[in-house]
Amino acid sequence: MEQTRAVAYARVSSKEQAEKELSIPAQLKAIRKYCQDKNYKLVAEYLDEGKSAKTADRPAFQKMIALAKKQNRHFDVIIVHKFDRFSRSREDHVVYKALLKKVGVHVYSVTEQTDSETPHGFLLEGMLEVISEFYNMNLASETRKGMVENAKRGYHNGGSPPYGYRVGKIQDSRGNLKSVWVLGPEEEVSTVRRIFDLYVRQNRGYKSIVNILNSENTPSPTGKTWSFSTIWTILHNDVYIGRRTWNKHDYVNFGKKKKPQKEWIVVADAHPPIIDRDTFNAVAAKGQERSPLGGAYQPTGPSLYILRGMLKCPMCGVNMVTGANSRKNRGHTRYYHCGTYHRKGSKACKRNSVIKYKIEAAVLNCLTREFSLLSFPGSIEDEIRRYMDYQNREITFQLARIDDDIKHLNRRIEIARKEKTSYGTKYVAQYIKEMEGEIEKLTRERSEVDELKTSSNLTDEQLQYIRDRLKDFAQRIKIEPTDIQHSLLKLYINSIVYDQFSDNYKMAYHIGIPKESSAGSLIVLEKTMYFTLD
């Protein structure tokens, strides 16, 4: 009878790392013994360290599920220490177990042995899953209650303190140790006070303050160079007047979002202030003086800069940002310049500016000419064939190596079968079985590598689709409004950067076609072009 092939799945969340009975080694030890007792062949182990089971977004878990769905998967069952290692979400548990069952893969628990194929086992397993989810929800609720009480009393609930502060310990009225913010190193405290002084009393702007601090090599909160956004954050953070705000952001639902202000927990005088209230309030007044709009960007229409997000700095690789010089006699000269220089000043990178109309005209002329040529019959086919051949070259080498290995093993098997009588039937049979196992493994590997190979055999409809798109681009790109021009360029351009060695601009672009089985596009051509400014 063929031996059942099993994989182990083990997981710990960060809070459970220190608990010996839930550690990864302890889980694996129990799983290995279980497989040995059941005469299962353990072929792989998938581990997620520091990952919560409240969500299925776990790298090793997702890799295991993806392999389980393949026809040539290398395992039949998944073994976990407890069902809550697989998932603590009842919904995820049901969905993924149903998916696995559909493809013939079962999930077994070492410590909660049930038979989900029987009514009794199905009920028991469901009860264990619900109890696990209840435990998780109840624990989260109790933890939050404690954090809310801590916040209302001005205590620290975790995370890094802001620049100028550190975490200290005090005893509450019950003798329990609590974390609070205390003043940090004197050089940080002095830097915060100086930033407020430069802005409020010396009338310096954000960029000027950045240049001053970076030119003096003053350490920033990250240990790197100061930036425009860091200065803004410090000047507008009421933590520096001793105010503590908790529950301001929602980190659970789709990223970091601000919660309604009524849900915030705000405590005044929660820690020693660095700045007095008059100075802090003067920041807002200064901002209003500098800009009636309070410094906020107010778009007045589509951006005039069509290469935003595509043009890169030749020194640091960051996106170039936009700007304009005001010249009384000749009006405004618009340009692109380095985003790092814009945010962090000349200490971090050079300006590396380029005049807007020159670079944009050169890009449009270059792409229009290129796409017009590619639209001719036979041109795009040749380019795609060369590109695909180059992309598949390494894959072709891998397939050839695997094929040679398989041929070599088949020759060894053939020789062994001829020599069976000379060396003994049992020994040779075992030898042949091992070689056949190697061939099976190489065949699976070949199948996986072959899936990566991209075909250059596009249909006539697909080629015509590409030609039509390129013709449409060439006809429209110079006459559309700037927002449409930007959208059209983003469909093709990966990056544009000045190449100092050739003294030319280098533009990388791609062409894709819609995928038949899923959303998105399939890249069929990638190319780099060089051009100069007129």
Protein backbone atom coordinates (compact mmCIF):
# COMPACT_ATOMS: atom_id res chain seq x y z
CA MET A 1 0.00 0.00 0.00
CA GLU A 2 1.33 3.43 -0.95
CA GLN A 3 2.43 5.53 2.03
CA THR A 4 0.35 8.68 2.78
CA ARG A 5 2.35 11.85 2.13
CA ALA A 6 1.97 14.54 4.78
CA VAL A 7 3.10 18.13 5.31
CA ALA A 8 3.38 19.89 8.65
CA TYR A 9 2.01 23.37 9.27
CA ALA A 10 3.17 25.20 12.39
CA ARG A 11 2.54 28.77 13.48
CA VAL A 12 3.16 31.09 16.42
CA SER A 13 2.04 34.68 16.89
CA SER A 14 4.42 37.16 18.47
CA LYS A 15 2.64 36.98 21.83
CA GLU A 16 2.97 33.21 21.90
CA GLN A 17 6.67 33.02 20.99
CA ALA A 18 7.79 32.63 24.58
CA GLU A 19 5.27 29.93 25.47
CA LYS A 20 7.22 26.69 25.27
CA GLU A 21 4.27 24.42 24.59
CA LEU A 22 3.30 26.50 21.53
CA SER A 23 6.80 27.01 20.11
CA ILE A 24 7.57 25.97 16.54
CA PRO A 25 10.00 23.20 17.60
CA ALA A 26 7.46 21.81 20.08
CA GLN A 27 4.70 21.75 17.44
CA LEU A 28 6.98 20.08 14.89
CA LYS A 29 8.15 17.48 17.41
CA ALA A 30 4.54 16.47 18.11
CA ILE A 31 3.65 16.43 14.40
CA ARG A 32 6.66 14.26 13.52
CA LYS A 33 5.75 11.74 16.21
CA TYR A 34 2.13 11.72 14.99
CA CYS A 35 3.29 10.98 11.42
CA GLN A 36 5.58 8.23 12.66
CA ASP A 37 2.73 6.62 14.65
CA LYS A 38 0.36 6.85 11.66
CA ASN A 39 3.04 5.65 9.20
CA TYR A 40 2.74 8.91 7.24
CA LYS A 41 5.66 10.15 5.12
CA LEU A 42 6.44 13.73 6.20
CA VAL A 43 7.61 15.44 2.98
CA ALA A 44 7.66 19.15 3.92
CA GLU A 45 7.17 21.63 6.76
CA TYR A 46 5.54 25.06 6.38
CA LEU A 47 6.24 27.55 9.16
CA ASP A 48 4.78 31.00 9.91
CA GLU A 49 6.61 32.73 12.74
CA GLY A 50 5.08 35.80 14.35
CA LYS A 51 1.84 35.48 12.34
CA SER A 52 -1.68 35.71 13.77
CA ALA A 53 -4.31 33.13 12.78
CA LYS A 54 -7.05 35.78 12.76
CA THR A 55 -6.28 36.22 9.06
CA ALA A 56 -5.24 33.86 6.27
CA ASP A 57 -2.64 36.38 5.04
CA ARG A 58 0.34 34.22 6.06
CA PRO A 59 3.14 33.51 3.53
CA ALA A 60 3.83 29.84 4.33
CA PHE A 61 0.11 29.09 4.75
CA GLN A 62 -0.74 30.60 1.37
CA LYS A 63 2.15 28.76 -0.32
CA MET A 64 0.91 25.48 1.14
CA ILE A 65 -2.67 26.12 -0.02
CA ALA A 66 -1.45 27.07 -3.53
CA LEU A 67 0.54 23.83 -3.82
CA ALA A 68 -2.42 21.81 -2.54
CA LYS A 69 -4.55 23.04 -5.43
CA LYS A 70 -2.07 21.77 -8.05
CA GLN A 71 -2.70 18.40 -9.68
CA ASN A 72 0.93 17.33 -9.19
CA ARG A 73 1.05 18.27 -5.48
CA HIS A 74 3.49 16.28 -3.37
CA PHE A 75 1.26 15.66 -0.32
CA ASP A 76 -2.11 14.15 0.63
CA VAL A 77 -2.77 15.50 4.16
CA ILE A 78 -1.89 18.53 6.30
CA ILE A 79 -0.98 17.96 9.96
CA VAL A 80 -1.27 20.72 12.60
CA HIS A 81 -0.64 20.67 16.34
CA LYS A 82 -4.10 22.13 17.06
CA PHE A 83 -6.82 23.38 14.74
CA ASP A 84 -6.23 26.95 15.95
CA ARG A 85 -2.75 26.74 14.35
CA PHE A 86 -4.56 26.36 11.00
CA SER A 87 -6.98 29.25 11.66
CA ARG A 88 -8.76 31.03 14.49
CA SER A 89 -11.30 32.52 12.13
CA ARG A 90 -14.32 30.26 11.73
CA GLU A 91 -14.95 31.70 8.27
CA ASP A 92 -11.38 31.06 7.06
CA HIS A 93 -11.38 27.60 8.62
CA VAL A 94 -14.54 26.55 6.79
CA VAL A 95 -13.50 28.10 3.46
CA TYR A 96 -10.00 26.63 3.34
CA LYS A 97 -10.94 23.20 4.66
CA ALA A 98 -13.75 23.01 2.09
CA LEU A 99 -11.31 24.02 -0.66
CA LEU A 100 -8.78 21.39 0.46
CA LYS A 101 -11.44 18.71 0.77
CA LYS A 102 -12.56 19.44 -2.79
CA VAL A 103 -9.06 18.65 -4.10
CA GLY A 104 -8.69 15.60 -1.85
CA VAL A 105 -6.48 17.02 0.92
CA HIS A 106 -7.48 16.53 4.57
CA VAL A 107 -6.42 18.51 7.66
CA TYR A 108 -5.67 16.56 10.86
CA SER A 109 -4.85 17.80 14.37
CA VAL A 110 -2.34 16.04 16.63
CA THR A 111 -4.04 16.97 19.92
CA GLU A 112 -7.68 17.17 18.72
CA GLN A 113 -8.15 13.95 16.82
CA THR A 114 -11.54 13.89 15.14
CA ASP A 115 -13.02 12.24 12.09
CA SER A 116 -14.76 14.98 10.12
CA GLU A 117 -16.28 12.36 7.84
CA THR A 118 -18.63 11.18 10.64
CA PRO A 119 -21.50 13.33 12.06
CA HIS A 120 -20.01 13.16 15.57
CA GLY A 121 -16.52 14.13 14.35
CA PHE A 122 -17.89 16.92 12.18
CA LEU A 123 -19.78 18.38 15.17
CA LEU A 124 -16.81 18.07 17.52
CA GLU A 125 -14.42 19.68 15.05
CA GLY A 126 -16.84 22.57 14.48
CA MET A 127 -17.16 23.10 18.25
CA LEU A 128 -13.37 23.24 18.61
CA GLU A 129 -13.16 25.85 15.85
CA VAL A 130 -15.89 28.01 17.43
CA ILE A 131 -14.27 27.76 20.89
CA SER A 132 -10.93 28.84 19.38
CA GLU A 133 -12.52 31.86 17.68
CA PHE A 134 -14.37 32.79 20.89
CA TYR A 135 -11.09 32.64 22.82
CA ASN A 136 -9.43 34.90 20.27
CA MET A 137 -12.28 37.46 20.25
CA ASN A 138 -12.57 37.47 24.05
CA LEU A 139 -8.83 37.92 24.49
CA ALA A 140 -8.85 40.88 22.08
CA SER A 141 -11.79 42.45 23.94
CA GLU A 142 -10.15 42.12 27.36
CA THR A 143 -6.83 43.42 26.03
CA ARG A 144 -8.54 46.49 24.57
CA LYS A 145 -10.31 47.25 27.87
CA GLY A 146 -6.94 47.36 29.60
CA MET A 147 -5.46 49.59 26.88
CA VAL A 148 -8.38 52.04 27.07
CA GLU A 149 -7.95 52.35 30.84
CA ASN A 150 -4.21 52.86 30.40
CA ALA A 151 -4.76 55.57 27.79
CA LYS A 152 -7.28 57.45 29.96
CA ARG A 153 -4.64 57.67 32.69
CA GLY A 154 -1.95 58.88 30.25
CA TYR A 155 0.07 55.65 30.25
CA HIS A 156 1.96 54.24 27.26
CA ASN A 157 0.24 51.43 25.31
CA GLY A 158 3.17 50.36 23.14
CA GLY A 159 4.97 51.55 20.04
CA SER A 160 7.88 53.93 19.64
CA PRO A 161 7.77 57.30 21.42
CA PRO A 162 8.13 60.47 19.30
CA TYR A 163 11.46 62.18 18.72
CA GLY A 164 12.64 63.84 21.94
CA TYR A 165 11.01 61.28 24.25
CA ARG A 166 11.80 57.85 25.66
CA VAL A 167 9.76 55.24 27.56
CA GLY A 168 10.15 55.29 31.35
CA LYS A 169 8.57 53.31 34.22
CA ILE A 170 6.52 54.52 37.21
CA GLN A 171 4.41 52.80 39.87
CA ASP A 172 0.67 53.43 39.95
CA SER A 173 -1.43 53.67 43.14
CA ARG A 174 -1.65 49.86 43.30
CA GLY A 175 2.09 49.41 43.00
CA ASN A 176 1.94 48.16 39.38
CA LEU A 177 4.67 49.25 36.97
CA LYS A 178 3.34 51.43 34.15
CA SER A 179 5.06 52.82 31.06
CA VAL A 180 5.08 56.58 30.44
CA TRP A 181 6.93 59.00 28.19
CA VAL A 182 9.84 60.90 29.70
CA LEU A 183 12.20 63.46 28.17
CA GLY A 184 14.82 61.89 25.92
CA PRO A 185 18.46 62.89 25.34
CA GLU A 186 19.18 66.59 25.72
CA GLU A 187 20.39 66.91 22.12
CA GLU A 188 16.99 65.69 20.83
CA VAL A 189 15.04 67.94 23.17
CA SER A 190 17.21 70.92 22.13
CA THR A 191 16.68 70.09 18.43
CA VAL A 192 12.89 70.08 18.86
CA ARG A 193 13.01 73.47 20.61
CA ARG A 194 15.30 74.82 17.91
CA ILE A 195 12.95 73.69 15.10
CA PHE A 196 10.08 75.59 16.71
CA ASP A 197 12.31 78.63 17.25
CA LEU A 198 13.52 78.64 13.62
CA TYR A 199 9.96 78.47 12.33
CA VAL A 200 8.15 80.78 14.77
CA ARG A 201 10.75 83.37 15.75
CA GLN A 202 13.27 83.34 12.90
CA ASN A 203 10.61 82.98 10.18
CA ARG A 204 12.34 80.03 8.49
CA GLY A 205 10.38 77.73 6.19
CA TYR A 206 10.36 73.92 6.25
CA LYS A 207 12.96 73.55 3.50
CA SER A 208 15.25 76.14 5.08
CA ILE A 209 15.11 74.27 8.41
CA VAL A 210 15.89 71.00 6.61
CA ASN A 211 18.97 72.53 4.96
CA ILE A 212 20.21 74.00 8.25
CA LEU A 213 19.92 70.72 10.19
CA ASN A 214 21.39 68.61 7.40
CA SER A 215 24.31 71.00 6.81
CA GLU A 216 25.15 70.73 10.53
CA ASN A 217 24.82 66.90 10.42
CA THR A 218 22.21 66.97 13.17
CA PRO A 219 20.90 63.37 13.61
CA SER A 220 17.30 62.97 12.46
CA PRO A 221 14.69 60.67 14.09
CA THR A 222 15.61 57.93 11.60
CA GLY A 223 19.35 58.52 11.84
CA LYS A 224 19.40 59.63 8.19
CA THR A 225 18.88 63.09 6.70
CA TRP A 226 16.06 65.42 7.72
CA SER A 227 13.12 65.82 5.37
CA PHE A 228 10.34 68.30 4.73
CA SER A 229 7.70 65.88 6.10
CA THR A 230 9.65 65.22 9.33
CA ILE A 231 9.84 68.94 10.12
CA TRP A 232 6.12 69.36 9.36
CA THR A 233 5.22 66.42 11.64
CA ILE A 234 7.21 67.81 14.58
CA LEU A 235 5.79 71.33 14.23
CA HIS A 236 2.19 70.07 14.14
CA ASN A 237 2.42 67.35 16.81
CA ASP A 238 0.72 68.42 20.07
CA VAL A 239 2.64 65.72 21.93
CA TYR A 240 5.31 68.42 22.46
CA ILE A 241 2.98 70.40 24.75
CA GLY A 242 2.43 67.33 26.95
CA ARG A 243 -0.78 66.13 25.28
CA ARG A 244 -1.28 62.41 24.71
CA THR A 245 -3.76 61.12 22.07
CA TRP A 246 -4.68 57.44 21.72
CA ASN A 247 -7.09 55.60 19.39
CA LYS A 248 -6.67 58.27 16.73
CA HIS A 249 -6.14 55.85 13.84
CA ASP A 250 -7.77 52.65 12.62
CA TYR A 251 -5.00 50.19 11.71
CA VAL A 252 -7.29 47.16 11.35
CA ASN A 253 -9.54 47.94 8.40
CA PHE A 254 -7.64 48.49 5.16
CA GLY A 255 -4.61 50.41 6.37
CA LYS A 256 -4.09 53.46 8.53
CA LYS A 257 -7.14 55.73 8.62
CA LYS A 258 -8.21 58.46 11.04
CA LYS A 259 -11.09 57.64 13.36
CA PRO A 260 -13.82 60.19 14.22
CA GLN A 261 -12.51 62.68 16.79
CA LYS A 262 -15.15 61.64 19.34
CA GLU A 263 -13.42 58.22 19.56
CA TRP A 264 -10.03 59.70 20.43
CA ILE A 265 -8.76 59.51 23.99
CA VAL A 266 -6.92 62.76 24.72
CA VAL A 267 -5.08 63.40 28.00
CA ALA A 268 -3.51 66.79 28.76
CA ASP A 269 -0.27 66.99 30.78
CA ALA A 270 0.31 63.25 30.34
CA HIS A 271 4.10 63.76 30.15
CA PRO A 272 6.64 66.62 30.44
CA PRO A 273 6.19 69.20 27.62
CA ILE A 274 9.10 70.37 25.47
CA ILE A 275 7.33 73.41 23.99
CA ASP A 276 4.99 75.88 25.68
CA ARG A 277 1.43 76.23 24.35
CA ASP A 278 1.93 79.80 23.04
CA THR A 279 4.83 78.68 20.83
CA PHE A 280 2.89 75.66 19.56
CA ASN A 281 -0.18 77.78 18.74
CA ALA A 282 2.05 80.30 16.96
CA VAL A 283 2.92 77.59 14.37
CA ALA A 284 -0.63 77.62 13.01
CA ALA A 285 -0.65 81.43 12.93
CA LYS A 286 2.68 81.50 11.07
CA GLY A 287 1.38 78.96 8.59
CA GLN A 288 -1.63 81.18 7.90
CA GLU A 289 0.66 84.17 7.35
CA ARG A 290 2.83 82.23 4.91
CA SER A 291 -0.14 80.85 2.99
CA PRO A 292 -3.79 81.93 3.31
CA LEU A 293 -4.65 78.30 2.48
CA GLY A 294 -2.68 77.10 5.49
CA GLY A 295 0.00 75.50 3.33
CA ALA A 296 -2.41 72.89 1.96
CA TYR A 297 -2.24 72.06 -1.72
CA GLN A 298 -5.43 73.04 -3.52
CA PRO A 299 -5.60 71.59 -7.05
CA THR A 300 -7.06 74.02 -9.58
CA GLY A 301 -7.36 71.52 -12.43
CA PRO A 302 -5.45 68.72 -14.20
CA SER A 303 -1.68 68.76 -13.62
CA LEU A 304 0.35 70.26 -16.44
CA TYR A 305 3.23 67.83 -15.81
CA ILE A 306 2.65 64.72 -17.93
CA LEU A 307 5.81 62.80 -16.87
CA ARG A 308 5.12 62.80 -13.11
CA GLY A 309 5.83 59.41 -11.57
CA MET A 310 7.89 58.29 -14.60
CA LEU A 311 10.90 60.63 -14.62
CA LYS A 312 13.59 59.51 -12.11
CA CYS A 313 16.55 61.30 -10.52
CA PRO A 314 19.82 60.05 -12.14
CA MET A 315 21.62 60.07 -8.76
CA CYS A 316 19.20 58.69 -6.15
CA GLY A 317 16.51 57.09 -8.34
CA VAL A 318 13.61 58.87 -6.61
CA ASN A 319 10.76 60.34 -8.67
CA MET A 320 11.38 63.84 -9.98
CA VAL A 321 8.90 66.41 -8.66
CA THR A 322 7.61 69.55 -10.31
CA GLY A 323 8.34 73.22 -9.80
CA ALA A 324 8.57 76.63 -11.45
CA ASN A 325 10.90 79.63 -11.34
CA SER A 326 9.31 83.07 -11.28
CA ARG A 327 11.08 85.47 -13.61
CA LYS A 328 9.54 88.91 -13.92
CA ASN A 329 10.69 89.54 -17.48
CA ARG A 330 10.02 86.07 -18.92
CA GLY A 331 7.30 84.64 -16.69
CA HIS A 332 7.51 81.14 -15.22
CA THR A 333 9.97 78.46 -16.28
CA ARG A 334 8.52 75.07 -15.36
CA TYR A 335 10.84 72.14 -14.64
CA TYR A 336 11.24 68.74 -13.01
CA HIS A 337 13.77 68.29 -10.21
CA CYS A 338 14.89 65.61 -7.72
CA GLY A 339 12.27 64.66 -5.10
CA THR A 340 14.95 63.92 -2.49
CA TYR A 341 16.47 67.38 -3.00
CA HIS A 342 13.00 68.91 -2.73
CA ARG A 343 12.22 67.18 0.59
CA LYS A 344 15.65 66.92 2.22
CA GLY A 345 17.78 69.63 0.63
CA SER A 346 21.19 69.71 -1.07
CA LYS A 347 22.83 67.59 1.65
CA ALA A 348 20.80 64.56 0.52
CA CYS A 349 20.97 64.95 -3.30
CA LYS A 350 21.54 67.48 -6.06
CA ARG A 351 18.79 69.42 -7.82
CA ASN A 352 19.28 67.65 -11.19
CA SER A 353 16.56 69.75 -12.82
CA VAL A 354 15.39 69.55 -16.42
CA ILE A 355 13.14 72.03 -18.23
CA LYS A 356 9.60 70.72 -18.57
CA TYR A 357 8.80 71.50 -22.20
CA LYS A 358 12.14 70.12 -23.47
CA ILE A 359 11.94 66.71 -21.78
CA GLU A 360 8.23 66.27 -22.52
CA ALA A 361 8.61 67.15 -26.21
CA ALA A 362 11.55 64.72 -26.54
CA VAL A 363 9.60 61.85 -24.91
CA LEU A 364 6.50 62.39 -27.06
CA ASN A 365 8.54 62.58 -30.28
CA CYS A 366 10.55 59.48 -29.38
CA LEU A 367 7.53 57.32 -28.50
CA THR A 368 5.43 58.53 -31.42
CA ARG A 369 8.20 57.60 -33.86
CA GLU A 370 8.80 54.23 -32.15
CA PHE A 371 5.13 53.21 -32.03
CA SER A 372 4.51 54.32 -35.61
CA LEU A 373 7.32 51.99 -36.78
CA LEU A 374 6.04 49.11 -34.65
CA SER A 375 2.60 49.50 -36.25
CA PHE A 376 3.92 48.33 -39.65
CA PRO A 377 3.05 44.68 -40.49
CA GLY A 378 5.72 42.26 -39.32
CA SER A 379 7.55 44.79 -37.13
CA ILE A 380 5.87 44.10 -33.79
CA GLU A 381 6.00 40.31 -34.43
CA ASP A 382 9.80 40.41 -34.85
CA GLU A 383 10.32 42.52 -31.71
CA ILE A 384 8.10 40.23 -29.59
CA ARG A 385 9.83 37.09 -30.90
CA ARG A 386 13.29 38.43 -30.03
CA TYR A 387 12.12 39.53 -26.59
CA MET A 388 10.44 36.18 -25.78
CA ASP A 389 13.46 34.19 -27.00
CA TYR A 390 15.70 36.21 -24.70
CA GLN A 391 13.32 35.85 -21.72
CA ASN A 392 13.01 32.08 -22.25
CA ARG A 393 16.73 31.47 -22.71
CA GLU A 394 17.45 30.73 -19.04
CA ILE A 395 14.32 28.59 -18.73
CA THR A 396 15.38 26.64 -21.83
CA PHE A 397 18.77 25.95 -20.20
CA GLN A 398 17.04 24.69 -17.03
CA LEU A 399 14.72 22.40 -19.02
CA ALA A 400 17.66 20.99 -20.99
CA ARG A 401 19.54 20.24 -17.75
CA ILE A 402 16.52 18.47 -16.27
CA ASP A 403 15.98 16.45 -19.46
CA ASP A 404 19.64 15.35 -19.41
CA ASP A 405 19.31 14.26 -15.77
CA ILE A 406 16.15 12.26 -16.56
CA LYS A 407 17.85 10.56 -19.55
CA HIS A 408 20.87 9.70 -17.39
CA LEU A 409 18.63 8.14 -14.71
CA ASN A 410 16.70 6.15 -17.32
CA ARG A 411 19.98 4.75 -18.68
CA ARG A 412 21.02 3.75 -15.15
CA ILE A 413 17.66 1.99 -14.66
CA GLU A 414 18.03 0.19 -17.98
CA ILE A 415 21.54 -1.00 -17.05
CA ALA A 416 20.37 -2.08 -13.59
CA ARG A 417 17.57 -4.19 -15.04
CA LYS A 418 20.04 -5.99 -17.31
CA GLU A 419 22.38 -6.66 -14.36
CA LYS A 420 19.59 -7.79 -11.99
CA THR A 421 20.80 -11.39 -11.83
CA SER A 422 24.43 -10.41 -11.11
CA TYR A 423 23.79 -8.29 -8.00
CA GLY A 424 20.64 -9.79 -6.53
CA THR A 425 17.00 -9.04 -7.23
CA LYS A 426 16.22 -7.29 -3.91
CA TYR A 427 19.18 -4.90 -4.05
CA VAL A 428 18.57 -3.92 -7.69
CA ALA A 429 14.82 -3.47 -7.15
CA GLN A 430 15.52 -1.02 -4.32
CA TYR A 431 18.07 0.79 -6.49
CA ILE A 432 15.59 1.07 -9.38
CA LYS A 433 12.87 2.35 -7.03
CA GLU A 434 15.18 5.13 -5.81
CA MET A 435 16.03 6.12 -9.39
CA GLU A 436 12.33 6.17 -10.32
CA GLY A 437 11.67 8.41 -7.32
CA GLU A 438 14.35 10.82 -8.56
CA ILE A 439 12.77 10.82 -12.03
CA GLU A 440 9.36 11.59 -10.52
CA LYS A 441 10.84 14.52 -8.59
CA LEU A 442 12.62 15.86 -11.69
CA THR A 443 9.44 15.51 -13.75
CA ARG A 444 7.55 17.65 -11.22
CA GLU A 445 10.35 20.21 -11.28
CA ARG A 446 10.29 20.25 -15.08
CA SER A 447 6.55 20.90 -15.07
CA GLU A 448 6.95 23.84 -12.68
CA VAL A 449 9.80 25.36 -14.71
CA ASP A 450 7.95 24.85 -17.99
CA GLU A 451 4.98 26.83 -16.62
CA LEU A 452 7.28 29.86 -16.41
CA LYS A 453 8.01 29.73 -20.12
CA THR A 454 6.24 32.40 -22.15
CA SER A 455 5.03 31.72 -25.66
CA SER A 456 5.66 34.22 -28.47
CA ASN A 457 2.89 32.69 -30.59
CA LEU A 458 0.29 35.43 -30.33
CA THR A 459 -2.92 35.15 -32.31
CA ASP A 460 -3.68 37.44 -35.24
CA GLU A 461 -6.37 39.10 -33.09
CA GLN A 462 -3.85 39.80 -30.30
CA LEU A 463 -1.30 41.25 -32.74
CA GLN A 464 -3.95 43.43 -34.35
CA TYR A 465 -5.02 44.62 -30.89
CA ILE A 466 -1.44 45.74 -30.19
CA ARG A 467 -1.08 47.50 -33.55
CA ASP A 468 -4.39 49.32 -33.09
CA ARG A 469 -3.37 50.49 -29.63
CA LEU A 470 -0.01 51.78 -30.86
CA LYS A 471 -1.60 53.64 -33.80
CA ASP A 472 -4.17 55.16 -31.46
CA PHE A 473 -1.38 56.35 -29.13
CA ALA A 474 0.64 57.92 -31.96
CA GLN A 475 -2.41 59.78 -33.28
CA ARG A 476 -3.70 61.08 -29.93
CA ILE A 477 -0.71 61.69 -27.66
CA LYS A 478 0.10 65.23 -28.88
CA ILE A 479 -3.45 66.56 -29.06
CA GLU A 480 -5.07 65.26 -25.84
CA PRO A 481 -5.35 67.31 -22.60
CA THR A 482 -2.45 66.87 -20.16
CA ASP A 483 -4.32 64.49 -17.82
CA ILE A 484 -5.14 62.16 -20.75
CA GLN A 485 -1.55 62.41 -22.01
CA HIS A 486 -0.30 61.36 -18.58
CA SER A 487 -2.66 58.35 -18.50
CA LEU A 488 -1.61 57.24 -21.99
CA LEU A 489 2.09 57.48 -21.14
CA LYS A 490 1.62 55.52 -17.88
CA LEU A 491 0.20 52.62 -19.90
CA TYR A 492 3.61 52.06 -21.50
CA ILE A 493 6.48 53.85 -19.73
CA ASN A 494 8.29 52.18 -16.81
CA SER A 495 10.90 54.87 -16.20
CA ILE A 496 12.83 57.75 -17.76
CA VAL A 497 16.26 58.68 -16.41
CA TYR A 498 19.29 60.65 -17.55
CA ASP A 499 22.24 58.35 -18.31
CA GLN A 500 25.42 60.18 -17.36
CA PHE A 501 27.76 57.81 -19.23
CA SER A 502 26.12 58.18 -22.65
CA ASP A 503 24.91 61.76 -22.03
CA ASN A 504 21.45 60.65 -23.20
CA TYR A 505 18.09 60.04 -21.59
CA LYS A 506 17.12 56.38 -21.18
CA MET A 507 13.46 55.36 -21.39
CA ALA A 508 12.20 51.85 -20.54
CA TYR A 509 8.77 50.95 -21.86
CA HIS A 510 6.58 47.84 -22.13
CA ILE A 511 3.67 46.59 -24.23
CA GLY A 512 1.04 44.22 -22.85
CA ILE A 513 -2.16 42.44 -23.81
CA PRO A 514 -5.14 41.56 -21.57
CA LYS A 515 -4.89 38.19 -19.83
CA GLU A 516 -7.52 35.69 -20.89
CA SER A 517 -8.04 34.01 -17.50
CA SER A 518 -7.57 36.87 -15.03
CA ALA A 519 -7.40 40.61 -14.57
CA GLY A 520 -4.33 42.61 -15.52
CA SER A 521 -2.12 42.38 -18.59
CA LEU A 522 0.50 40.01 -19.96
CA ILE A 523 3.77 41.76 -20.88
CA VAL A 524 4.82 40.70 -24.38
CA LEU A 525 7.58 43.26 -25.01
CA GLU A 526 9.97 45.31 -22.89
CA LYS A 527 12.46 47.65 -24.49
CA THR A 528 14.88 50.46 -23.65
CA MET A 529 15.36 53.51 -25.88
CA TYR A 530 17.82 56.42 -25.78
CA PHE A 531 17.14 60.01 -26.81
CA THR A 532 18.58 63.51 -26.45
CA LEU A 533 16.98 66.88 -25.77
CA ASP A 534 16.75 69.33 -28.66
